[in-house]
Amino acid sequence: MDHKKTVIIGAAGRMGSALIRGIDREVVKDLILAGAVDLSTVPGQGVDAGTLAGGKPCGIALSADLPALVETGDVFIDFSFHAGVGQRGKILSQGNGAWVIGTTGITPNERKEINAIAKDIPVVMSSNMSLGINLLTLLVQQASGALADRGYDIEVIEMHHRKKVDSPSGTALMLGHAAAAGAGIDLADNVRHGRHGIEDHERSAKEIGFHSLRGGDIVGDHDVVFAAEGEMLTLSHRATNRDTFAIGALQAASWVVGKPPGLYSMVDVLGIAL
């Protein structure tokens, strides 16, 4: 078997560590760790990445030198902070490797940068790499389309651990975009983030509300609520372990190597459709 040389960007973080452990366990058998990168300010530079991840030594030291690995990697899995994602992409576009982006909090301008880079290299981007969430996204879009203009209000509720700094979560926004697409509306024109005080008008019919909760060590809970007079439909997903995201990202990494340049989603990777 020809192994695909895999470089983890954001290797010292929670997801980076989960990815390194997943490669070591061969959850996707054709991947091999070829590099582990994080910011120079992150502790552990020069330390074995396997040890940092809480596993056995792997012979790959944590480094801050991404350009040095451009010609080494077949695929780069990026869970680093969203700031600088465009710069990382420009570095990767100098080589022939593919790019898997699981980073959340990406801004509209950063998304434009990624779209431009995807003209040169294959890119898989998703705010959530799990099979369950990507199936939920399709179900939300389908439900929203079926219930559009029938008096159902849409609210998205998400809860994560206390250390998560961005809100709403990237997954919540992904679900909100799916609901808006199903209803045939633009999310940006109809979004509402939280509620406080006394309003001078009632909730609009097309509004999609987002509510973010933070606490403890919760990996990720997401609910999309369709509420009408007399009934409520809730589509939910609960992640109990980060390994589900790592497994999805590793599957994406294996799938995207050798694909033509372009921007792909986890729906493409998983081949699921309703």
Protein backbone atom coordinates (compact mmCIF):
# COMPACT_ATOMS: atom_id res chain seq x y z
CA MET A 1 0.00 0.00 0.00
CA ASP A 2 1.28 3.47 -0.92
CA HIS A 3 0.92 5.65 2.16
CA LYS A 4 -0.17 9.26 1.76
CA LYS A 5 2.20 11.55 3.62
CA THR A 6 0.09 13.65 5.98
CA VAL A 7 1.04 16.91 7.70
CA ILE A 8 -1.04 18.22 10.61
CA ILE A 9 -1.32 22.02 10.96
CA GLY A 10 -2.34 23.02 14.48
CA ALA A 11 -0.76 19.82 15.70
CA ALA A 12 -0.44 20.87 19.35
CA GLY A 13 -4.16 21.61 19.73
CA ARG A 14 -6.97 19.30 20.80
CA MET A 15 -7.92 18.29 17.28
CA GLY A 16 -4.31 18.10 16.15
CA SER A 17 -3.57 15.65 18.95
CA ALA A 18 -6.65 13.58 18.07
CA LEU A 19 -5.52 13.43 14.42
CA ILE A 20 -2.02 12.30 15.36
CA ARG A 21 -3.43 9.56 17.60
CA GLY A 22 -5.83 8.54 14.82
CA ILE A 23 -3.00 8.17 12.30
CA ASP A 24 -1.05 6.11 14.83
CA ARG A 25 -4.08 3.80 15.31
CA GLU A 26 -4.46 3.55 11.52
CA VAL A 27 -8.15 4.47 11.60
CA VAL A 28 -7.57 5.32 7.92
CA LYS A 29 -4.95 2.82 6.84
CA ASP A 30 -3.31 4.61 3.91
CA LEU A 31 -2.14 7.69 5.85
CA ILE A 32 1.24 8.18 7.50
CA LEU A 33 2.33 11.16 9.60
CA ALA A 34 4.97 13.21 7.77
CA GLY A 35 4.89 16.49 9.67
CA ALA A 36 3.41 18.31 12.66
CA VAL A 37 3.23 22.12 12.58
CA ASP A 38 2.09 24.77 15.03
CA LEU A 39 2.90 28.38 15.87
CA SER A 40 6.37 29.11 17.16
CA THR A 41 4.80 30.49 20.35
CA VAL A 42 3.17 27.14 21.14
CA PRO A 43 5.07 25.14 23.78
CA GLY A 44 6.63 21.87 22.67
CA GLN A 45 8.60 22.96 19.61
CA GLY A 46 11.10 20.21 18.81
CA VAL A 47 9.29 17.64 20.99
CA ASP A 48 8.03 14.40 19.48
CA ALA A 49 4.48 15.05 18.22
CA GLY A 50 3.26 11.60 19.27
CA THR A 51 4.37 12.24 22.83
CA LEU A 52 2.72 15.69 22.82
CA ALA A 53 -0.51 14.06 21.63
CA GLY A 54 -0.52 11.70 24.59
CA GLY A 55 0.48 8.64 22.56
CA LYS A 56 3.67 6.84 21.76
CA PRO A 57 6.66 8.55 20.08
CA CYS A 58 6.28 8.79 16.30
CA GLY A 59 9.65 10.20 15.25
CA ILE A 60 8.13 13.48 14.03
CA ALA A 61 9.04 16.62 15.96
CA LEU A 62 6.67 19.58 16.33
CA SER A 63 7.85 22.44 14.08
CA ALA A 64 6.80 25.96 13.16
CA ASP A 65 8.27 25.73 9.64
CA LEU A 66 5.36 25.00 7.28
CA PRO A 67 7.22 26.05 4.08
CA ALA A 68 9.85 23.36 4.75
CA LEU A 69 7.13 20.69 4.52
CA VAL A 70 5.36 21.88 1.35
CA GLU A 71 7.22 19.43 -0.87
CA THR A 72 7.01 16.64 1.74
CA GLY A 73 3.26 16.31 2.28
CA ASP A 74 0.67 14.72 0.03
CA VAL A 75 -2.07 16.24 2.16
CA PHE A 76 -2.21 18.90 4.88
CA ILE A 77 -4.94 18.78 7.55
CA ASP A 78 -5.49 22.25 9.00
CA PHE A 79 -7.13 22.79 12.39
CA SER A 80 -5.12 25.88 13.25
CA PHE A 81 -6.67 29.25 14.15
CA HIS A 82 -8.57 30.89 11.30
CA ALA A 83 -6.39 34.02 11.27
CA GLY A 84 -3.64 33.32 8.78
CA VAL A 85 -5.56 30.64 6.87
CA GLY A 86 -5.07 32.54 3.61
CA GLN A 87 -1.33 32.83 4.21
CA ARG A 88 -1.12 29.09 4.96
CA GLY A 89 -3.03 28.36 1.78
CA LYS A 90 -0.68 30.48 -0.33
CA ILE A 91 2.26 28.51 1.09
CA LEU A 92 0.57 25.19 0.31
CA SER A 93 -0.37 26.29 -3.21
CA GLN A 94 3.35 26.36 -4.01
CA GLY A 95 3.39 22.55 -3.82
CA ASN A 96 1.27 19.68 -5.09
CA GLY A 97 -0.37 18.62 -1.84
CA ALA A 98 -4.07 18.73 -1.02
CA TRP A 99 -5.55 20.78 1.84
CA VAL A 100 -8.22 19.71 4.34
CA ILE A 101 -9.60 22.63 6.37
CA GLY A 102 -11.49 21.97 9.60
CA THR A 103 -10.77 25.43 11.03
CA THR A 104 -13.84 27.31 12.30
CA GLY A 105 -14.50 31.04 12.58
CA ILE A 106 -13.45 31.67 8.98
CA THR A 107 -14.46 35.16 7.83
CA PRO A 108 -16.02 36.02 4.46
CA ASN A 109 -12.71 37.50 3.27
CA GLU A 110 -10.82 34.39 4.38
CA ARG A 111 -13.35 32.26 2.51
CA LYS A 112 -12.62 34.26 -0.65
CA GLU A 113 -8.92 33.58 -0.17
CA ILE A 114 -9.62 29.85 0.17
CA ASN A 115 -11.78 29.87 -2.96
CA ALA A 116 -8.90 31.44 -4.90
CA ILE A 117 -6.39 28.88 -3.60
CA ALA A 118 -8.77 26.03 -4.54
CA LYS A 119 -8.16 26.96 -8.18
CA ASP A 120 -4.60 25.69 -7.75
CA ILE A 121 -4.90 22.73 -5.36
CA PRO A 122 -7.71 20.42 -4.19
CA VAL A 123 -9.32 21.66 -0.95
CA VAL A 124 -11.85 19.99 1.34
CA MET A 125 -13.44 22.50 3.71
CA SER A 126 -16.06 21.81 6.35
CA SER A 127 -16.94 23.34 9.70
CA ASN A 128 -17.63 19.82 10.93
CA MET A 129 -16.10 16.60 9.63
CA SER A 130 -18.48 14.08 11.21
CA LEU A 131 -20.77 11.85 9.16
CA GLY A 132 -23.68 12.54 11.52
CA ILE A 133 -23.45 16.32 11.23
CA ASN A 134 -23.17 16.24 7.45
CA LEU A 135 -26.22 13.99 7.23
CA LEU A 136 -28.02 16.33 9.65
CA THR A 137 -27.18 19.27 7.38
CA LEU A 138 -28.91 17.55 4.46
CA LEU A 139 -31.92 16.69 6.66
CA VAL A 140 -32.19 20.29 7.88
CA GLN A 141 -32.20 21.62 4.32
CA GLN A 142 -34.81 19.09 3.28
CA ALA A 143 -37.03 19.80 6.32
CA SER A 144 -36.71 23.55 5.84
CA GLY A 145 -37.80 23.24 2.23
CA ALA A 146 -40.80 21.09 3.16
CA LEU A 147 -41.89 23.48 5.93
CA ALA A 148 -41.18 26.78 4.17
CA ASP A 149 -44.06 29.29 4.27
CA ARG A 150 -46.08 26.98 6.55
CA GLY A 151 -45.64 28.91 9.76
CA TYR A 152 -42.54 27.23 11.19
CA ASP A 153 -39.96 29.37 12.97
CA ILE A 154 -36.32 28.20 12.82
CA GLU A 155 -33.91 28.45 15.76
CA VAL A 156 -30.39 26.97 15.98
CA ILE A 157 -29.04 26.17 19.46
CA GLU A 158 -25.46 25.04 20.08
CA MET A 159 -23.41 24.26 23.19
CA HIS A 160 -19.66 23.73 23.50
CA HIS A 161 -16.94 23.58 26.13
CA ARG A 162 -15.98 26.70 28.07
CA LYS A 163 -12.73 27.19 26.12
CA LYS A 164 -14.39 27.68 22.72
CA VAL A 165 -13.98 31.35 21.81
CA ASP A 166 -15.99 31.71 18.57
CA SER A 167 -19.77 31.84 18.46
CA PRO A 168 -21.98 30.72 16.89
CA SER A 169 -20.00 27.59 16.16
CA GLY A 170 -19.00 26.92 12.57
CA THR A 171 -21.29 23.90 12.64
CA ALA A 172 -24.25 26.01 13.80
CA LEU A 173 -23.65 28.41 10.92
CA MET A 174 -23.42 25.47 8.52
CA LEU A 175 -26.81 24.26 9.76
CA GLY A 176 -28.23 27.78 9.53
CA HIS A 177 -27.07 28.11 5.93
CA ALA A 178 -28.70 24.74 5.17
CA ALA A 179 -31.98 25.90 6.72
CA ALA A 180 -31.85 29.15 4.75
CA ALA A 181 -31.10 27.33 1.50
CA GLY A 182 -34.04 25.00 2.05
CA ALA A 183 -36.34 27.93 2.73
CA GLY A 184 -35.03 29.83 -0.30
CA ILE A 185 -33.77 32.82 1.68
CA ASP A 186 -30.41 34.51 2.32
CA LEU A 187 -29.15 33.80 5.84
CA ALA A 188 -27.23 37.09 6.04
CA ASP A 189 -30.47 39.03 5.53
CA ASN A 190 -32.48 37.05 8.08
CA VAL A 191 -30.05 36.07 10.85
CA ARG A 192 -30.63 36.94 14.52
CA HIS A 193 -28.05 36.29 17.25
CA GLY A 194 -29.65 35.87 20.67
CA ARG A 195 -32.39 37.94 22.28
CA HIS A 196 -32.40 40.37 25.18
CA GLY A 197 -34.80 42.94 26.60
CA ILE A 198 -38.16 44.02 25.23
CA GLU A 199 -38.60 44.11 21.46
CA ASP A 200 -40.68 46.72 19.67
CA HIS A 201 -41.89 44.06 17.23
CA GLU A 202 -42.53 40.32 17.20
CA ARG A 203 -40.30 37.72 15.61
CA SER A 204 -40.28 37.94 11.81
CA ALA A 205 -41.48 34.93 9.83
CA LYS A 206 -38.22 34.37 7.96
CA GLU A 207 -35.85 35.00 10.87
CA ILE A 208 -33.32 32.29 11.76
CA GLY A 209 -32.13 32.63 15.34
CA PHE A 210 -28.82 31.46 16.80
CA HIS A 211 -28.14 30.80 20.48
CA SER A 212 -24.72 29.82 21.86
CA LEU A 213 -24.09 28.17 25.22
CA ARG A 214 -20.66 27.57 26.76
CA GLY A 215 -19.70 25.42 29.71
CA GLY A 216 -17.75 22.46 31.04
CA ASP A 217 -16.08 20.10 28.60
CA ILE A 218 -18.99 19.59 26.16
CA VAL A 219 -17.62 18.45 22.81
CA GLY A 220 -20.53 19.77 20.74
CA ASP A 221 -24.35 19.72 20.88
CA HIS A 222 -26.46 21.15 18.03
CA ASP A 223 -30.25 21.46 17.74
CA VAL A 224 -32.25 22.92 14.88
CA VAL A 225 -35.77 23.71 16.03
CA PHE A 226 -38.76 24.14 13.71
CA ALA A 227 -41.55 25.58 15.89
CA ALA A 228 -45.12 26.18 14.75
CA GLU A 229 -48.54 26.64 16.33
CA GLY A 230 -49.27 23.37 18.15
CA GLU A 231 -46.04 21.44 17.44
CA MET A 232 -42.27 21.54 17.35
CA LEU A 233 -39.79 19.48 15.33
CA THR A 234 -36.17 19.26 16.57
CA LEU A 235 -33.29 17.79 14.58
CA SER A 236 -30.30 17.15 16.84
CA HIS A 237 -26.73 15.92 16.95
CA ARG A 238 -24.53 15.30 19.99
CA ALA A 239 -20.80 14.63 19.73
CA THR A 240 -19.48 12.69 22.70
CA ASN A 241 -15.86 12.35 21.56
CA ARG A 242 -13.55 14.40 19.33
CA ASP A 243 -12.44 11.23 17.61
CA THR A 244 -15.52 11.43 15.38
CA PHE A 245 -14.19 14.70 13.88
CA ALA A 246 -10.67 13.31 13.58
CA ILE A 247 -11.90 10.20 11.76
CA GLY A 248 -13.87 12.35 9.30
CA ALA A 249 -10.88 14.63 8.66
CA LEU A 250 -8.61 11.63 8.06
CA GLN A 251 -11.16 10.15 5.65
CA ALA A 252 -11.24 13.49 3.83
CA ALA A 253 -7.44 13.54 3.67
CA SER A 254 -7.31 10.08 2.12
CA TRP A 255 -10.10 10.92 -0.36
CA VAL A 256 -8.79 14.27 -1.62
CA VAL A 257 -5.25 13.21 -2.56
CA GLY A 258 -5.04 13.10 -6.36
CA LYS A 259 -8.30 14.99 -6.94
CA PRO A 260 -8.35 17.90 -9.42
CA PRO A 261 -8.06 21.43 -7.98
CA GLY A 262 -11.36 22.63 -6.59
CA LEU A 263 -13.33 23.22 -3.40
CA TYR A 264 -14.96 20.08 -2.00
CA SER A 265 -17.22 19.41 0.99
CA MET A 266 -17.66 16.46 3.34
CA VAL A 267 -20.77 15.55 1.39
CA ASP A 268 -18.45 14.97 -1.58
CA VAL A 269 -16.09 12.91 0.59
CA LEU A 270 -18.81 10.77 2.14
CA GLY A 271 -20.92 10.42 -1.00
CA ILE A 272 -24.17 10.87 0.92
CA ALA A 273 -27.32 12.34 -0.58
CA LEU A 274 -31.05 12.29 0.13
